[in-house]
Amino acid sequence: MTTIWDELDFFTARERWGVSKLISGYLLLSLDLIRAEIDTPIIIIKAYATSGHATNSLHYHGLAVDFYCPNISPREATKRIIK
C-alpha cells in the first residue's frame, strides 16, 4: 500500500514528527518542496504534538512543524523559503 511518505524525496516517517501518521499530507508535501528549493537539509524537531505548545496550536492537528537548517542561519533559511 502506497502512503504519502512514499511520495517524499527528503523525509521519512522515522524522523521526529511525533505520531507520523497524524501529520498532514499537504504539510509533508510542502516541506518536501521547500527542502528541494532551499537546497540544504531540514532537521525536524517536532510536528504532531499533544502538549507543549499554545492552546490552539496547529501542532495538535498535525498542521505545523518545528525545524531548523543546520548549514545556514535562520535568516538565510527564511530568505530561501520565501523567495
N, C-alpha and C. Protein backbone atom coordinates (compact mmCIF):
# COMPACT_ATOMS: atom_id res chain seq x y z
N MET A 1 0.85 -1.19 0.00
CA MET A 1 0.00 0.00 0.00
C MET A 1 0.89 1.25 0.00
N THR A 2 0.64 2.15 -0.91
CA THR A 2 1.40 3.39 -1.01
C THR A 2 0.85 4.43 -0.04
N THR A 3 1.76 5.15 0.61
CA THR A 3 1.35 6.22 1.52
C THR A 3 2.00 7.52 1.07
N ILE A 4 1.62 8.61 1.69
CA ILE A 4 2.21 9.91 1.37
C ILE A 4 3.72 9.88 1.56
N TRP A 5 4.18 9.10 2.51
CA TRP A 5 5.62 9.01 2.77
C TRP A 5 6.39 8.48 1.58
N ASP A 6 5.76 7.65 0.77
CA ASP A 6 6.40 7.10 -0.43
C ASP A 6 6.60 8.16 -1.52
N GLU A 7 5.88 9.25 -1.41
CA GLU A 7 5.95 10.33 -2.41
C GLU A 7 7.03 11.36 -2.09
N LEU A 8 7.63 11.28 -0.91
CA LEU A 8 8.59 12.29 -0.48
C LEU A 8 10.01 11.93 -0.87
N ASP A 9 10.78 12.94 -1.23
CA ASP A 9 12.18 12.73 -1.60
C ASP A 9 13.14 12.93 -0.43
N PHE A 10 12.77 13.76 0.55
CA PHE A 10 13.73 14.17 1.58
C PHE A 10 13.37 13.77 3.00
N PHE A 11 12.18 13.27 3.25
CA PHE A 11 11.76 12.97 4.61
C PHE A 11 11.22 11.56 4.72
N THR A 12 11.31 11.01 5.94
CA THR A 12 10.75 9.68 6.20
C THR A 12 9.91 9.75 7.48
N ALA A 13 9.08 8.76 7.66
CA ALA A 13 8.23 8.70 8.85
C ALA A 13 9.05 8.45 10.12
N ARG A 14 10.31 8.08 9.98
CA ARG A 14 11.15 7.78 11.14
C ARG A 14 11.75 9.02 11.79
N GLU A 15 11.52 10.19 11.22
CA GLU A 15 12.05 11.42 11.83
C GLU A 15 11.17 11.84 13.00
N ARG A 16 11.52 12.94 13.64
CA ARG A 16 10.83 13.35 14.88
C ARG A 16 9.51 14.10 14.61
N TRP A 17 8.61 13.42 13.96
CA TRP A 17 7.33 14.04 13.63
C TRP A 17 6.35 14.00 14.79
N GLY A 18 6.57 13.21 15.79
CA GLY A 18 5.53 12.90 16.76
C GLY A 18 4.88 11.63 16.24
N VAL A 19 3.57 11.64 16.10
CA VAL A 19 2.86 10.50 15.51
C VAL A 19 2.81 10.74 14.00
N SER A 20 3.69 10.09 13.27
CA SER A 20 3.86 10.40 11.85
C SER A 20 2.59 10.24 11.02
N LYS A 21 1.74 9.29 11.37
CA LYS A 21 0.53 9.08 10.58
C LYS A 21 -0.50 10.19 10.78
N LEU A 22 -0.28 11.08 11.76
CA LEU A 22 -1.21 12.18 12.00
C LEU A 22 -0.75 13.51 11.41
N ILE A 23 0.34 13.49 10.64
CA ILE A 23 0.85 14.70 10.01
C ILE A 23 0.10 14.91 8.70
N SER A 24 -0.30 16.13 8.45
CA SER A 24 -1.00 16.48 7.21
C SER A 24 -0.15 16.16 5.99
N GLY A 25 -0.76 15.49 5.03
CA GLY A 25 -0.08 15.20 3.78
C GLY A 25 0.32 16.48 3.04
N TYR A 26 -0.50 17.50 3.13
CA TYR A 26 -0.17 18.78 2.50
C TYR A 26 1.07 19.40 3.14
N LEU A 27 1.17 19.29 4.46
CA LEU A 27 2.34 19.81 5.16
C LEU A 27 3.59 19.05 4.72
N LEU A 28 3.49 17.73 4.65
CA LEU A 28 4.63 16.92 4.24
C LEU A 28 5.08 17.24 2.82
N LEU A 29 4.14 17.33 1.90
CA LEU A 29 4.49 17.66 0.51
C LEU A 29 5.08 19.06 0.41
N SER A 30 4.53 20.00 1.18
CA SER A 30 5.06 21.37 1.17
C SER A 30 6.49 21.41 1.69
N LEU A 31 6.75 20.72 2.79
CA LEU A 31 8.11 20.67 3.33
C LEU A 31 9.08 20.03 2.35
N ASP A 32 8.63 19.00 1.66
CA ASP A 32 9.49 18.32 0.69
C ASP A 32 9.84 19.28 -0.46
N LEU A 33 8.86 20.04 -0.93
CA LEU A 33 9.11 21.02 -1.98
C LEU A 33 10.03 22.13 -1.51
N ILE A 34 9.81 22.60 -0.28
CA ILE A 34 10.69 23.63 0.29
C ILE A 34 12.11 23.12 0.40
N ARG A 35 12.26 21.90 0.88
CA ARG A 35 13.60 21.31 1.01
C ARG A 35 14.31 21.27 -0.34
N ALA A 36 13.59 20.90 -1.38
CA ALA A 36 14.19 20.86 -2.72
C ALA A 36 14.62 22.25 -3.17
N GLU A 37 13.82 23.25 -2.87
CA GLU A 37 14.10 24.62 -3.31
C GLU A 37 15.25 25.27 -2.55
N ILE A 38 15.34 25.04 -1.25
CA ILE A 38 16.37 25.74 -0.47
C ILE A 38 17.72 25.04 -0.53
N ASP A 39 17.73 23.81 -1.03
CA ASP A 39 18.98 23.08 -1.29
C ASP A 39 19.88 22.94 -0.06
N THR A 40 19.27 22.67 1.08
CA THR A 40 20.01 22.38 2.31
C THR A 40 19.13 21.51 3.20
N PRO A 41 19.70 20.66 4.03
CA PRO A 41 18.88 19.80 4.89
C PRO A 41 17.95 20.58 5.81
N ILE A 42 16.83 19.98 6.11
CA ILE A 42 15.88 20.48 7.11
C ILE A 42 15.80 19.40 8.18
N ILE A 43 16.08 19.78 9.42
CA ILE A 43 16.01 18.84 10.54
C ILE A 43 14.71 19.08 11.29
N ILE A 44 13.91 18.05 11.41
CA ILE A 44 12.62 18.15 12.10
C ILE A 44 12.84 18.03 13.60
N ILE A 45 12.29 18.97 14.34
CA ILE A 45 12.33 18.92 15.80
C ILE A 45 11.05 18.27 16.32
N LYS A 46 9.91 18.73 15.80
CA LYS A 46 8.62 18.17 16.21
C LYS A 46 7.55 18.68 15.27
N ALA A 47 6.60 17.83 14.97
CA ALA A 47 5.44 18.25 14.18
C ALA A 47 4.19 17.97 15.02
N TYR A 48 3.62 16.79 14.90
CA TYR A 48 2.44 16.49 15.71
C TYR A 48 2.83 16.45 17.18
N ALA A 49 2.03 17.11 18.01
CA ALA A 49 2.29 17.14 19.45
C ALA A 49 0.97 17.06 20.20
N THR A 50 1.04 16.60 21.44
CA THR A 50 -0.15 16.57 22.29
C THR A 50 -0.03 17.54 23.46
N SER A 51 1.15 18.15 23.60
CA SER A 51 1.34 19.15 24.65
C SER A 51 2.58 19.97 24.32
N GLY A 52 2.78 21.05 25.09
CA GLY A 52 4.00 21.83 24.96
C GLY A 52 3.91 23.01 24.02
N HIS A 53 2.75 23.24 23.43
CA HIS A 53 2.56 24.37 22.54
C HIS A 53 1.37 25.20 23.02
N ALA A 54 1.11 26.30 22.35
CA ALA A 54 -0.02 27.17 22.70
C ALA A 54 -1.33 26.39 22.64
N THR A 55 -2.32 26.85 23.36
CA THR A 55 -3.60 26.16 23.48
C THR A 55 -4.19 25.74 22.14
N ASN A 56 -4.19 26.61 21.18
CA ASN A 56 -4.79 26.30 19.88
C ASN A 56 -3.73 25.99 18.81
N SER A 57 -2.61 25.47 19.21
CA SER A 57 -1.51 25.20 18.28
C SER A 57 -1.91 24.25 17.16
N LEU A 58 -1.46 24.55 15.97
CA LEU A 58 -1.70 23.66 14.84
C LEU A 58 -0.90 22.36 14.95
N HIS A 59 0.06 22.31 15.86
CA HIS A 59 0.79 21.06 16.12
C HIS A 59 -0.17 19.97 16.58
N TYR A 60 -1.23 20.34 17.30
CA TYR A 60 -2.17 19.37 17.83
C TYR A 60 -3.05 18.76 16.74
N HIS A 61 -2.96 19.32 15.54
CA HIS A 61 -3.74 18.82 14.40
C HIS A 61 -2.85 18.30 13.28
N GLY A 62 -1.53 18.23 13.53
CA GLY A 62 -0.60 17.75 12.52
C GLY A 62 -0.40 18.73 11.38
N LEU A 63 -0.60 20.04 11.68
CA LEU A 63 -0.54 21.07 10.64
C LEU A 63 0.60 22.06 10.85
N ALA A 64 1.53 21.75 11.74
CA ALA A 64 2.67 22.64 11.99
C ALA A 64 3.91 21.79 12.23
N VAL A 65 5.05 22.42 12.04
CA VAL A 65 6.31 21.70 12.25
C VAL A 65 7.36 22.68 12.76
N ASP A 66 8.16 22.24 13.72
CA ASP A 66 9.32 22.99 14.18
C ASP A 66 10.54 22.35 13.52
N PHE A 67 11.39 23.16 12.93
CA PHE A 67 12.55 22.63 12.24
C PHE A 67 13.67 23.65 12.24
N TYR A 68 14.86 23.19 11.84
CA TYR A 68 15.97 24.10 11.60
C TYR A 68 16.79 23.56 10.44
N CYS A 69 17.59 24.43 9.89
CA CYS A 69 18.50 24.07 8.80
C CYS A 69 19.92 24.21 9.34
N PRO A 70 20.63 23.11 9.55
CA PRO A 70 21.92 23.16 10.23
C PRO A 70 23.04 23.86 9.46
N ASN A 71 22.91 23.97 8.16
CA ASN A 71 24.00 24.51 7.36
C ASN A 71 23.88 26.00 7.03
N ILE A 72 22.76 26.60 7.41
CA ILE A 72 22.56 28.02 7.13
C ILE A 72 21.89 28.69 8.33
N SER A 73 22.00 29.99 8.41
CA SER A 73 21.40 30.74 9.52
C SER A 73 19.87 30.78 9.37
N PRO A 74 19.16 31.02 10.46
CA PRO A 74 17.70 31.17 10.36
C PRO A 74 17.31 32.27 9.37
N ARG A 75 18.07 33.35 9.34
CA ARG A 75 17.77 34.44 8.40
C ARG A 75 17.90 33.96 6.95
N GLU A 76 18.99 33.23 6.65
CA GLU A 76 19.19 32.73 5.29
C GLU A 76 18.12 31.69 4.94
N ALA A 77 17.76 30.83 5.88
CA ALA A 77 16.70 29.85 5.62
C ALA A 77 15.40 30.55 5.28
N THR A 78 15.06 31.58 6.03
CA THR A 78 13.83 32.33 5.77
C THR A 78 13.87 32.97 4.40
N LYS A 79 15.00 33.58 4.04
CA LYS A 79 15.13 34.19 2.71
C LYS A 79 14.90 33.16 1.61
N ARG A 80 15.51 32.00 1.77
CA ARG A 80 15.37 30.97 0.73
C ARG A 80 13.95 30.43 0.65
N ILE A 81 13.31 30.28 1.80
CA ILE A 81 11.96 29.73 1.82
C ILE A 81 10.95 30.70 1.19
N ILE A 82 11.06 31.98 1.49
CA ILE A 82 10.06 32.92 0.96
C ILE A 82 10.41 33.45 -0.42
N LYS A 83 11.55 33.06 -0.93
CA LYS A 83 11.99 33.50 -2.26
C LYS A 83 11.03 33.13 -3.36
